[in-house]
């Protein structure tokens, strides 16, 4: 595969989805998959489950018609269009921002495998992946400075991507109160039990 990133590979596969699938117009506001075109995190989810969990939840909400996944992580792709294709961009932006996210890396792997399975199960052949072009040592050095390697995945450096900043609230690690002293609490003697 050369220097072709997993994100570029996913883009190629999503664009090559079979024409027999329902095409969702990017202007269809009722199509959940189009949430990927204007991907925004829910502030309440960011507060409750953190940024990584909120990204995961937003992707699940957008792809809910394609889920659940099977044991191999493959989900059933039943639509095509710009909304579906935007999945590659969303994953690239957020994996660049949260490079060690196993949830998002799993989404990337599952999305690649699911799109491959969809193409092949409809009798299509996978698009040919472009071969890596030869680069000079200077270009290779510059590329290595602007890319992060993520467990075999390649994404642009953080300086190249400008994901929407969301408010992040740090939740305490525990729900145990740090101080249980109540200045208004009055302790009284227990009365004798007069039951017979």
C-alpha atoms as a PDB file:
ATOM      1  CA  UNK A   1       0.000   0.000   0.000  1.00  0.00           C
ATOM      2  CA  UNK A   2       3.015   2.315   0.270  1.00  0.00           C
ATOM      3  CA  UNK A   3       2.386   5.691   1.834  1.00  0.00           C
ATOM      4  CA  UNK A   4      -1.372   5.584   1.210  1.00  0.00           C
ATOM      5  CA  UNK A   5      -2.950   6.284   4.583  1.00  0.00           C
ATOM      6  CA  UNK A   6      -5.808   4.299   6.063  1.00  0.00           C
ATOM      7  CA  UNK A   7      -7.932   7.440   5.738  1.00  0.00           C
ATOM      8  CA  UNK A   8      -7.237   7.704   2.001  1.00  0.00           C
ATOM      9  CA  UNK A   9      -7.976   3.993   1.634  1.00  0.00           C
ATOM     10  CA  UNK A  10     -11.306   4.429   3.421  1.00  0.00           C
ATOM     11  CA  UNK A  11     -12.149   7.425   1.196  1.00  0.00           C
ATOM     12  CA  UNK A  12     -11.516   5.345  -1.930  1.00  0.00           C
ATOM     13  CA  UNK A  13     -13.694   2.492  -0.686  1.00  0.00           C
ATOM     14  CA  UNK A  14     -16.548   4.752   0.427  1.00  0.00           C
ATOM     15  CA  UNK A  15     -16.571   6.512  -2.956  1.00  0.00           C
ATOM     16  CA  UNK A  16     -16.625   3.102  -4.666  1.00  0.00           C
ATOM     17  CA  UNK A  17     -19.698   1.818  -2.810  1.00  0.00           C
ATOM     18  CA  UNK A  18     -22.102   0.044  -5.185  1.00  0.00           C
ATOM     19  CA  UNK A  19     -24.554   2.151  -7.192  1.00  0.00           C
ATOM     20  CA  UNK A  20     -27.308  -0.284  -6.151  1.00  0.00           C
ATOM     21  CA  UNK A  21     -27.239   1.170  -2.633  1.00  0.00           C
ATOM     22  CA  UNK A  22     -29.682   3.936  -1.746  1.00  0.00           C
ATOM     23  CA  UNK A  23     -28.023   7.286  -2.449  1.00  0.00           C
ATOM     24  CA  UNK A  24     -28.646   9.822   0.283  1.00  0.00           C
ATOM     25  CA  UNK A  25     -28.716  13.430  -0.864  1.00  0.00           C
ATOM     26  CA  UNK A  26     -26.467  15.739   1.196  1.00  0.00           C
ATOM     27  CA  UNK A  27     -29.457  18.080   1.546  1.00  0.00           C
ATOM     28  CA  UNK A  28     -31.638  15.411   3.172  1.00  0.00           C
ATOM     29  CA  UNK A  29     -31.786  16.738   6.740  1.00  0.00           C
ATOM     30  CA  UNK A  30     -33.707  13.683   7.935  1.00  0.00           C
ATOM     31  CA  UNK A  31     -30.885  11.295   6.986  1.00  0.00           C
ATOM     32  CA  UNK A  32     -28.840  10.567  10.103  1.00  0.00           C
ATOM     33  CA  UNK A  33     -25.761   9.711   8.055  1.00  0.00           C
ATOM     34  CA  UNK A  34     -25.626  13.357   6.930  1.00  0.00           C
ATOM     35  CA  UNK A  35     -24.689  14.289  10.497  1.00  0.00           C
ATOM     36  CA  UNK A  36     -21.170  13.350   9.425  1.00  0.00           C
ATOM     37  CA  UNK A  37     -21.136  16.276   6.972  1.00  0.00           C
ATOM     38  CA  UNK A  38     -21.457  18.823   9.781  1.00  0.00           C
ATOM     39  CA  UNK A  39     -20.017  16.764  12.595  1.00  0.00           C
ATOM     40  CA  UNK A  40     -20.561  18.421  15.977  1.00  0.00           C
ATOM     41  CA  UNK A  41     -20.219  16.983  19.456  1.00  0.00           C
ATOM     42  CA  UNK A  42     -23.040  17.255  21.947  1.00  0.00           C
ATOM     43  CA  UNK A  43     -21.765  19.327  24.897  1.00  0.00           C
ATOM     44  CA  UNK A  44     -23.724  17.237  27.395  1.00  0.00           C
ATOM     45  CA  UNK A  45     -22.152  14.046  26.094  1.00  0.00           C
ATOM     46  CA  UNK A  46     -18.705  15.627  26.288  1.00  0.00           C
ATOM     47  CA  UNK A  47     -19.415  16.452  29.934  1.00  0.00           C
ATOM     48  CA  UNK A  48     -20.821  12.999  30.715  1.00  0.00           C
ATOM     49  CA  UNK A  49     -18.494  10.647  28.844  1.00  0.00           C
ATOM     50  CA  UNK A  50     -15.597  12.840  27.707  1.00  0.00           C
ATOM     51  CA  UNK A  51     -14.574  13.924  24.240  1.00  0.00           C
ATOM     52  CA  UNK A  52     -13.618  10.457  22.974  1.00  0.00           C
ATOM     53  CA  UNK A  53     -16.888   8.930  24.157  1.00  0.00           C
ATOM     54  CA  UNK A  54     -18.870  11.801  22.647  1.00  0.00           C
ATOM     55  CA  UNK A  55     -17.177  11.284  19.255  1.00  0.00           C
ATOM     56  CA  UNK A  56     -17.960   7.562  19.444  1.00  0.00           C
ATOM     57  CA  UNK A  57     -21.588   8.263  20.341  1.00  0.00           C
ATOM     58  CA  UNK A  58     -21.985  10.820  17.530  1.00  0.00           C
ATOM     59  CA  UNK A  59     -20.607   8.344  14.966  1.00  0.00           C
ATOM     60  CA  UNK A  60     -22.952   5.634  16.288  1.00  0.00           C
ATOM     61  CA  UNK A  61     -25.908   8.032  16.018  1.00  0.00           C
ATOM     62  CA  UNK A  62     -24.994   8.924  12.431  1.00  0.00           C
ATOM     63  CA  UNK A  63     -24.521   5.288  11.397  1.00  0.00           C
ATOM     64  CA  UNK A  64     -27.314   3.739  13.462  1.00  0.00           C
ATOM     65  CA  UNK A  65     -28.967   2.243  10.344  1.00  0.00           C
ATOM     66  CA  UNK A  66     -25.752   0.338   9.633  1.00  0.00           C
ATOM     67  CA  UNK A  67     -25.322  -1.102  13.130  1.00  0.00           C
ATOM     68  CA  UNK A  68     -24.890  -3.396  15.051  1.00  0.00           C
ATOM     69  CA  UNK A  69     -21.524  -4.779  14.082  1.00  0.00           C
ATOM     70  CA  UNK A  70     -20.871  -8.486  13.821  1.00  0.00           C
ATOM     71  CA  UNK A  71     -18.150 -10.250  15.832  1.00  0.00           C
ATOM     72  CA  UNK A  72     -15.542  -9.210  13.255  1.00  0.00           C
ATOM     73  CA  UNK A  73     -16.514  -5.541  13.665  1.00  0.00           C
ATOM     74  CA  UNK A  74     -18.184  -5.350  10.265  1.00  0.00           C
ATOM     75  CA  UNK A  75     -21.350  -3.303   9.985  1.00  0.00           C
ATOM     76  CA  UNK A  76     -23.871  -3.426   7.127  1.00  0.00           C
ATOM     77  CA  UNK A  77     -23.560  -0.396   4.827  1.00  0.00           C
ATOM     78  CA  UNK A  78     -26.938   0.211   3.184  1.00  0.00           C
ATOM     79  CA  UNK A  79     -26.510   3.756   1.847  1.00  0.00           C
ATOM     80  CA  UNK A  80     -24.008   5.768  -0.147  1.00  0.00           C
ATOM     81  CA  UNK A  81     -23.389   9.449  -0.742  1.00  0.00           C
ATOM     82  CA  UNK A  82     -21.472  12.436   0.592  1.00  0.00           C
ATOM     83  CA  UNK A  83     -22.667  11.817   4.153  1.00  0.00           C
ATOM     84  CA  UNK A  84     -21.265   8.281   4.186  1.00  0.00           C
ATOM     85  CA  UNK A  85     -18.042   9.463   2.527  1.00  0.00           C
ATOM     86  CA  UNK A  86     -17.592  12.109   5.252  1.00  0.00           C
ATOM     87  CA  UNK A  87     -16.897   9.300   7.741  1.00  0.00           C
ATOM     88  CA  UNK A  88     -13.264   9.223   6.552  1.00  0.00           C
ATOM     89  CA  UNK A  89     -12.853  12.959   7.243  1.00  0.00           C
ATOM     90  CA  UNK A  90     -14.440  12.716  10.689  1.00  0.00           C
ATOM     91  CA  UNK A  91     -12.178   9.819  11.671  1.00  0.00           C
ATOM     92  CA  UNK A  92      -9.083  11.564  10.311  1.00  0.00           C
ATOM     93  CA  UNK A  93      -9.783  14.762  12.241  1.00  0.00           C
ATOM     94  CA  UNK A  94     -10.559  13.055  15.530  1.00  0.00           C
ATOM     95  CA  UNK A  95      -7.839  10.395  15.339  1.00  0.00           C
ATOM     96  CA  UNK A  96      -5.391  13.221  14.767  1.00  0.00           C
ATOM     97  CA  UNK A  97      -6.742  14.990  17.829  1.00  0.00           C
ATOM     98  CA  UNK A  98      -6.979  11.817  19.966  1.00  0.00           C
ATOM     99  CA  UNK A  99      -4.308   9.558  18.395  1.00  0.00           C
ATOM    100  CA  UNK A 100      -4.343   6.869  21.095  1.00  0.00           C
ATOM    101  CA  UNK A 101      -8.106   6.331  20.987  1.00  0.00           C
ATOM    102  CA  UNK A 102      -8.750   2.627  20.611  1.00  0.00           C
ATOM    103  CA  UNK A 103     -12.444   3.378  20.001  1.00  0.00           C
ATOM    104  CA  UNK A 104     -11.684   5.581  17.001  1.00  0.00           C
ATOM    105  CA  UNK A 105      -8.964   3.271  15.665  1.00  0.00           C
ATOM    106  CA  UNK A 106     -11.528   0.474  15.855  1.00  0.00           C
ATOM    107  CA  UNK A 107     -14.010   2.633  13.913  1.00  0.00           C
ATOM    108  CA  UNK A 108     -11.384   3.183  11.213  1.00  0.00           C
ATOM    109  CA  UNK A 109     -10.569  -0.529  10.905  1.00  0.00           C
ATOM    110  CA  UNK A 110     -14.247  -1.515  10.978  1.00  0.00           C
ATOM    111  CA  UNK A 111     -15.163   1.116   8.389  1.00  0.00           C
ATOM    112  CA  UNK A 112     -12.469  -0.064   5.978  1.00  0.00           C
ATOM    113  CA  UNK A 113     -13.459  -3.716   6.369  1.00  0.00           C
ATOM    114  CA  UNK A 114     -17.187  -2.944   6.171  1.00  0.00           C
ATOM    115  CA  UNK A 115     -16.819  -0.903   2.985  1.00  0.00           C
ATOM    116  CA  UNK A 116     -14.643  -3.633   1.426  1.00  0.00           C
ATOM    117  CA  UNK A 117     -17.226  -6.281   2.351  1.00  0.00           C
ATOM    118  CA  UNK A 118     -20.054  -4.145   0.960  1.00  0.00           C
ATOM    119  CA  UNK A 119     -18.306  -3.661  -2.392  1.00  0.00           C
ATOM    120  CA  UNK A 120     -17.393  -7.343  -2.696  1.00  0.00           C
ATOM    121  CA  UNK A 121     -20.796  -8.669  -1.563  1.00  0.00           C
ATOM    122  CA  UNK A 122     -22.461  -6.649  -4.335  1.00  0.00           C
ATOM    123  CA  UNK A 123     -20.197  -8.272  -6.927  1.00  0.00           C
ATOM    124  CA  UNK A 124     -17.873  -5.308  -7.300  1.00  0.00           C
ATOM    125  CA  UNK A 125     -14.121  -5.276  -7.227  1.00  0.00           C
ATOM    126  CA  UNK A 126     -12.142  -3.122  -4.846  1.00  0.00           C
ATOM    127  CA  UNK A 127     -10.705   0.055  -6.343  1.00  0.00           C
ATOM    128  CA  UNK A 128      -7.035  -0.118  -7.112  1.00  0.00           C
ATOM    129  CA  UNK A 129      -5.011   1.644  -4.470  1.00  0.00           C
ATOM    130  CA  UNK A 130      -2.607   4.216  -5.932  1.00  0.00           C
ATOM    131  CA  UNK A 131       1.026   3.276  -5.686  1.00  0.00           C
ATOM    132  CA  UNK A 132       3.300   5.401  -3.602  1.00  0.00           C
ATOM    133  CA  UNK A 133       5.216   7.892  -5.675  1.00  0.00           C
ATOM    134  CA  UNK A 134       8.929   8.089  -5.128  1.00  0.00           C
ATOM    135  CA  UNK A 135      10.026  10.995  -2.989  1.00  0.00           C
ATOM    136  CA  UNK A 136      13.286  12.743  -2.494  1.00  0.00           C
ATOM    137  CA  UNK A 137      14.992  12.540   0.876  1.00  0.00           C
ATOM    138  CA  UNK A 138      14.010  16.152   1.594  1.00  0.00           C
ATOM    139  CA  UNK A 139      10.319  15.447   0.833  1.00  0.00           C
ATOM    140  CA  UNK A 140      10.390  12.275   2.900  1.00  0.00           C
ATOM    141  CA  UNK A 141      11.876  14.170   5.857  1.00  0.00           C
ATOM    142  CA  UNK A 142       9.243  16.890   5.554  1.00  0.00           C
ATOM    143  CA  UNK A 143       6.462  14.277   5.357  1.00  0.00           C
ATOM    144  CA  UNK A 144       7.752  12.466   8.426  1.00  0.00           C
ATOM    145  CA  UNK A 145       7.706  15.729  10.374  1.00  0.00           C
ATOM    146  CA  UNK A 146       4.061  16.424   9.482  1.00  0.00           C
ATOM    147  CA  UNK A 147       2.652  12.970  10.099  1.00  0.00           C
ATOM    148  CA  UNK A 148       1.868  10.986  13.210  1.00  0.00           C
ATOM    149  CA  UNK A 149       2.077   7.224  13.158  1.00  0.00           C
ATOM    150  CA  UNK A 150      -0.763   5.604  15.084  1.00  0.00           C
ATOM    151  CA  UNK A 151      -0.364   1.846  15.480  1.00  0.00           C
ATOM    152  CA  UNK A 152       0.044   1.436  11.738  1.00  0.00           C
ATOM    153  CA  UNK A 153      -2.272   4.335  10.886  1.00  0.00           C
ATOM    154  CA  UNK A 154      -1.052   7.604   9.406  1.00  0.00           C
ATOM    155  CA  UNK A 155      -2.757  10.932  10.012  1.00  0.00           C
ATOM    156  CA  UNK A 156      -1.795  14.555   9.359  1.00  0.00           C
ATOM    157  CA  UNK A 157      -0.106  16.388  12.191  1.00  0.00           C
ATOM    158  CA  UNK A 158      -2.222  18.356  14.643  1.00  0.00           C
ATOM    159  CA  UNK A 159      -1.095  21.630  13.100  1.00  0.00           C
ATOM    160  CA  UNK A 160      -2.754  20.711   9.791  1.00  0.00           C
ATOM    161  CA  UNK A 161      -6.178  19.868  11.188  1.00  0.00           C
ATOM    162  CA  UNK A 162      -8.323  22.364  13.001  1.00  0.00           C
ATOM    163  CA  UNK A 163     -11.156  20.362  14.615  1.00  0.00           C
ATOM    164  CA  UNK A 164     -13.941  22.261  16.318  1.00  0.00           C
ATOM    165  CA  UNK A 165     -12.928  22.952  19.883  1.00  0.00           C
ATOM    166  CA  UNK A 166     -15.452  21.775  22.375  1.00  0.00           C
ATOM    167  CA  UNK A 167     -15.718  22.540  26.022  1.00  0.00           C
ATOM    168  CA  UNK A 168     -14.139  19.807  28.082  1.00  0.00           C
ATOM    169  CA  UNK A 169     -15.041  19.505  31.721  1.00  0.00           C
ATOM    170  CA  UNK A 170     -12.886  17.267  33.880  1.00  0.00           C
ATOM    171  CA  UNK A 171     -15.059  15.020  35.973  1.00  0.00           C
ATOM    172  CA  UNK A 172     -13.800  13.787  39.315  1.00  0.00           C
ATOM    173  CA  UNK A 173     -12.486  10.230  39.321  1.00  0.00           C
ATOM    174  CA  UNK A 174     -14.807   9.261  42.145  1.00  0.00           C
ATOM    175  CA  UNK A 175     -18.184  10.212  43.538  1.00  0.00           C
ATOM    176  CA  UNK A 176     -16.995  10.033  47.137  1.00  0.00           C
ATOM    177  CA  UNK A 177     -17.301  13.389  48.823  1.00  0.00           C
ATOM    178  CA  UNK A 178     -13.928  14.879  49.730  1.00  0.00           C
ATOM    179  CA  UNK A 179     -15.281  16.159  53.046  1.00  0.00           C
ATOM    180  CA  UNK A 180     -18.189  14.637  54.947  1.00  0.00           C
ATOM    181  CA  UNK A 181     -18.252  17.068  57.841  1.00  0.00           C
ATOM    182  CA  UNK A 182     -21.595  18.864  58.051  1.00  0.00           C
ATOM    183  CA  UNK A 183     -21.518  21.856  60.388  1.00  0.00           C
ATOM    184  CA  UNK A 184     -25.331  21.789  60.667  1.00  0.00           C
ATOM    185  CA  UNK A 185     -25.508  18.141  61.718  1.00  0.00           C
ATOM    186  CA  UNK A 186     -26.642  17.600  65.296  1.00  0.00           C
ATOM    187  CA  UNK A 187     -25.878  14.267  66.901  1.00  0.00           C
ATOM    188  CA  UNK A 188     -28.331  13.248  69.618  1.00  0.00           C
ATOM    189  CA  UNK A 189     -28.406  10.321  71.947  1.00  0.00           C
ATOM    190  CA  UNK A 190     -30.453   7.394  70.823  1.00  0.00           C
ATOM    191  CA  UNK A 191     -33.561   6.745  72.878  1.00  0.00           C
ATOM    192  CA  UNK A 192     -34.111   3.378  74.521  1.00  0.00           C
ATOM    193  CA  UNK A 193     -36.120   0.831  72.630  1.00  0.00           C
ATOM    194  CA  UNK A 194     -39.422   0.496  74.441  1.00  0.00           C
ATOM    195  CA  UNK A 195     -40.899  -2.227  72.240  1.00  0.00           C
ATOM    196  CA  UNK A 196     -41.912  -5.428  73.963  1.00  0.00           C
END
